[in-house]
Amino acid sequence: MYYNLVMEFNQITDTPPHIQELLIEGYRRMSPQQKLKRVDELTKAVQQFALARIRRQYGDISEREQKLRLASLWLDRETMIKVFDWDPSVKGY
C-alpha cells in the first residue's frame, strides 16, 4: 500500500523521483517529535500565508476579524456560527 501512495504522489508532483526518495528517507529517519515539529512549522507557515492573503484582500480589519476569517478556513461553517457567531457564507472567509 505504501508503494502505491508513493507512486500516486510522484505522479502529481514536479519533484524528480530521486529527490522524492531522499525526502521520504529523511522523513523515515525523523523521530516522532521531529515529525510533529515539522508539521507544526508547516501548519504555521500555511496560516501565515493565509493571513497575508486575508490582510491583502480585506485591508484594514481588526485583529479579531482577521482571526475569524483565518479560523473559517479550518473550521466548518456550523462550528464558526455556533462558537463565534460568524457565518463565513455571509461575512466571507
C-alpha atoms as a PDB file:
ATOM      1  CA  MET A   1       0.000   0.000   0.000  1.00  0.00           C
ATOM      2  CA  TYR A   2       2.800   2.434   0.893  1.00  0.00           C
ATOM      3  CA  TYR A   3       4.345   1.861  -2.530  1.00  0.00           C
ATOM      4  CA  ASN A   4       1.058   2.768  -4.218  1.00  0.00           C
ATOM      5  CA  LEU A   5       0.809   6.012  -2.220  1.00  0.00           C
ATOM      6  CA  VAL A   6       4.342   6.960  -3.244  1.00  0.00           C
ATOM      7  CA  MET A   7       3.604   6.154  -6.857  1.00  0.00           C
ATOM      8  CA  GLU A   8       0.409   8.224  -6.801  1.00  0.00           C
ATOM      9  CA  PHE A   9       2.216  11.125  -5.128  1.00  0.00           C
ATOM     10  CA  ASN A  10       5.028  11.023  -7.670  1.00  0.00           C
ATOM     11  CA  GLN A  11       2.512  11.312 -10.475  1.00  0.00           C
ATOM     12  CA  ILE A  12       1.231  14.671  -9.198  1.00  0.00           C
ATOM     13  CA  THR A  13       4.490  16.331  -8.149  1.00  0.00           C
ATOM     14  CA  ASP A  14       7.117  18.205 -10.073  1.00  0.00           C
ATOM     15  CA  THR A  15       9.814  16.859  -7.753  1.00  0.00           C
ATOM     16  CA  PRO A  16      12.199  14.483  -9.529  1.00  0.00           C
ATOM     17  CA  PRO A  17      11.850  10.890  -8.293  1.00  0.00           C
ATOM     18  CA  HIS A  18      15.390  10.708  -6.851  1.00  0.00           C
ATOM     19  CA  ILE A  19      14.764  13.857  -4.789  1.00  0.00           C
ATOM     20  CA  GLN A  20      11.398  12.476  -3.678  1.00  0.00           C
ATOM     21  CA  GLU A  21      13.145   9.335  -2.451  1.00  0.00           C
ATOM     22  CA  LEU A  22      15.657  11.446  -0.499  1.00  0.00           C
ATOM     23  CA  LEU A  23      12.789  13.306   1.165  1.00  0.00           C
ATOM     24  CA  ILE A  24      10.997  10.094   2.065  1.00  0.00           C
ATOM     25  CA  GLU A  25      14.172   8.614   3.531  1.00  0.00           C
ATOM     26  CA  GLY A  26      14.733  11.793   5.523  1.00  0.00           C
ATOM     27  CA  TYR A  27      11.209  11.599   6.938  1.00  0.00           C
ATOM     28  CA  ARG A  28      11.742   7.939   7.838  1.00  0.00           C
ATOM     29  CA  ARG A  29      14.827   8.852   9.872  1.00  0.00           C
ATOM     30  CA  MET A  30      12.999  11.565  11.821  1.00  0.00           C
ATOM     31  CA  SER A  31      11.801  10.869  15.340  1.00  0.00           C
ATOM     32  CA  PRO A  32       8.089  11.280  16.079  1.00  0.00           C
ATOM     33  CA  GLN A  33       8.921  14.533  17.896  1.00  0.00           C
ATOM     34  CA  GLN A  34      10.793  15.852  14.865  1.00  0.00           C
ATOM     35  CA  LYS A  35       7.879  14.949  12.601  1.00  0.00           C
ATOM     36  CA  LEU A  36       5.409  16.720  14.881  1.00  0.00           C
ATOM     37  CA  LYS A  37       7.652  19.773  14.984  1.00  0.00           C
ATOM     38  CA  ARG A  38       7.849  19.788  11.185  1.00  0.00           C
ATOM     39  CA  VAL A  39       4.055  19.519  10.886  1.00  0.00           C
ATOM     40  CA  ASP A  40       3.653  22.361  13.398  1.00  0.00           C
ATOM     41  CA  GLU A  41       6.102  24.560  11.479  1.00  0.00           C
ATOM     42  CA  LEU A  42       4.441  23.854   8.135  1.00  0.00           C
ATOM     43  CA  THR A  43       0.972  24.489   9.583  1.00  0.00           C
ATOM     44  CA  LYS A  44       2.104  27.846  10.962  1.00  0.00           C
ATOM     45  CA  ALA A  45       3.647  28.748   7.611  1.00  0.00           C
ATOM     46  CA  VAL A  46       0.411  27.932   5.777  1.00  0.00           C
ATOM     47  CA  GLN A  47      -1.534  30.009   8.305  1.00  0.00           C
ATOM     48  CA  GLN A  48       0.815  32.959   7.786  1.00  0.00           C
ATOM     49  CA  PHE A  49       0.302  32.758   4.011  1.00  0.00           C
ATOM     50  CA  ALA A  50      -3.461  32.610   4.523  1.00  0.00           C
ATOM     51  CA  LEU A  51      -3.344  35.562   6.917  1.00  0.00           C
ATOM     52  CA  ALA A  52      -1.328  37.581   4.400  1.00  0.00           C
ATOM     53  CA  ARG A  53      -3.983  36.862   1.776  1.00  0.00           C
ATOM     54  CA  ILE A  54      -6.744  37.913   4.186  1.00  0.00           C
ATOM     55  CA  ARG A  55      -4.962  41.186   5.002  1.00  0.00           C
ATOM     56  CA  ARG A  56      -4.385  41.917   1.328  1.00  0.00           C
ATOM     57  CA  GLN A  57      -7.968  41.083   0.390  1.00  0.00           C
ATOM     58  CA  TYR A  58      -9.763  42.851   3.259  1.00  0.00           C
ATOM     59  CA  GLY A  59      -7.359  45.661   4.086  1.00  0.00           C
ATOM     60  CA  ASP A  60      -7.682  47.390   7.436  1.00  0.00           C
ATOM     61  CA  ILE A  61      -9.760  44.995   9.523  1.00  0.00           C
ATOM     62  CA  SER A  62      -9.493  44.279  13.220  1.00  0.00           C
ATOM     63  CA  GLU A  63      -7.232  41.548  14.557  1.00  0.00           C
ATOM     64  CA  ARG A  64     -10.347  39.695  15.735  1.00  0.00           C
ATOM     65  CA  GLU A  65     -11.822  39.727  12.247  1.00  0.00           C
ATOM     66  CA  GLN A  66      -8.505  38.543  10.784  1.00  0.00           C
ATOM     67  CA  LYS A  67      -8.504  35.628  13.227  1.00  0.00           C
ATOM     68  CA  LEU A  68     -12.138  34.797  12.476  1.00  0.00           C
ATOM     69  CA  ARG A  69     -11.514  34.758   8.744  1.00  0.00           C
ATOM     70  CA  LEU A  70      -8.442  32.594   9.294  1.00  0.00           C
ATOM     71  CA  ALA A  71     -10.359  30.203  11.556  1.00  0.00           C
ATOM     72  CA  SER A  72     -13.117  29.930   8.974  1.00  0.00           C
ATOM     73  CA  LEU A  73     -10.594  28.401   6.578  1.00  0.00           C
ATOM     74  CA  TRP A  74     -10.054  25.490   9.004  1.00  0.00           C
ATOM     75  CA  LEU A  75     -13.378  25.103  10.763  1.00  0.00           C
ATOM     76  CA  ASP A  76     -16.693  24.126   9.224  1.00  0.00           C
ATOM     77  CA  ARG A  77     -19.458  26.701   8.843  1.00  0.00           C
ATOM     78  CA  GLU A  78     -21.641  25.231  11.611  1.00  0.00           C
ATOM     79  CA  THR A  79     -18.799  25.430  14.136  1.00  0.00           C
ATOM     80  CA  MET A  80     -17.992  29.015  13.152  1.00  0.00           C
ATOM     81  CA  ILE A  81     -21.609  30.041  13.673  1.00  0.00           C
ATOM     82  CA  LYS A  82     -22.077  28.097  16.913  1.00  0.00           C
ATOM     83  CA  VAL A  83     -18.814  29.078  18.592  1.00  0.00           C
ATOM     84  CA  PHE A  84     -18.063  32.517  17.146  1.00  0.00           C
ATOM     85  CA  ASP A  85     -21.418  33.712  15.756  1.00  0.00           C
ATOM     86  CA  TRP A  86     -19.625  34.151  12.420  1.00  0.00           C
ATOM     87  CA  ASP A  87     -21.171  32.879   9.215  1.00  0.00           C
ATOM     88  CA  PRO A  88     -18.443  32.580   6.580  1.00  0.00           C
ATOM     89  CA  SER A  89     -21.079  32.264   3.854  1.00  0.00           C
ATOM     90  CA  VAL A  90     -22.326  35.747   4.736  1.00  0.00           C
ATOM     91  CA  LYS A  91     -19.228  37.534   6.023  1.00  0.00           C
ATOM     92  CA  GLY A  92     -16.613  35.824   3.882  1.00  0.00           C
ATOM     93  CA  TYR A  93     -13.562  33.701   4.506  1.00  0.00           C
END
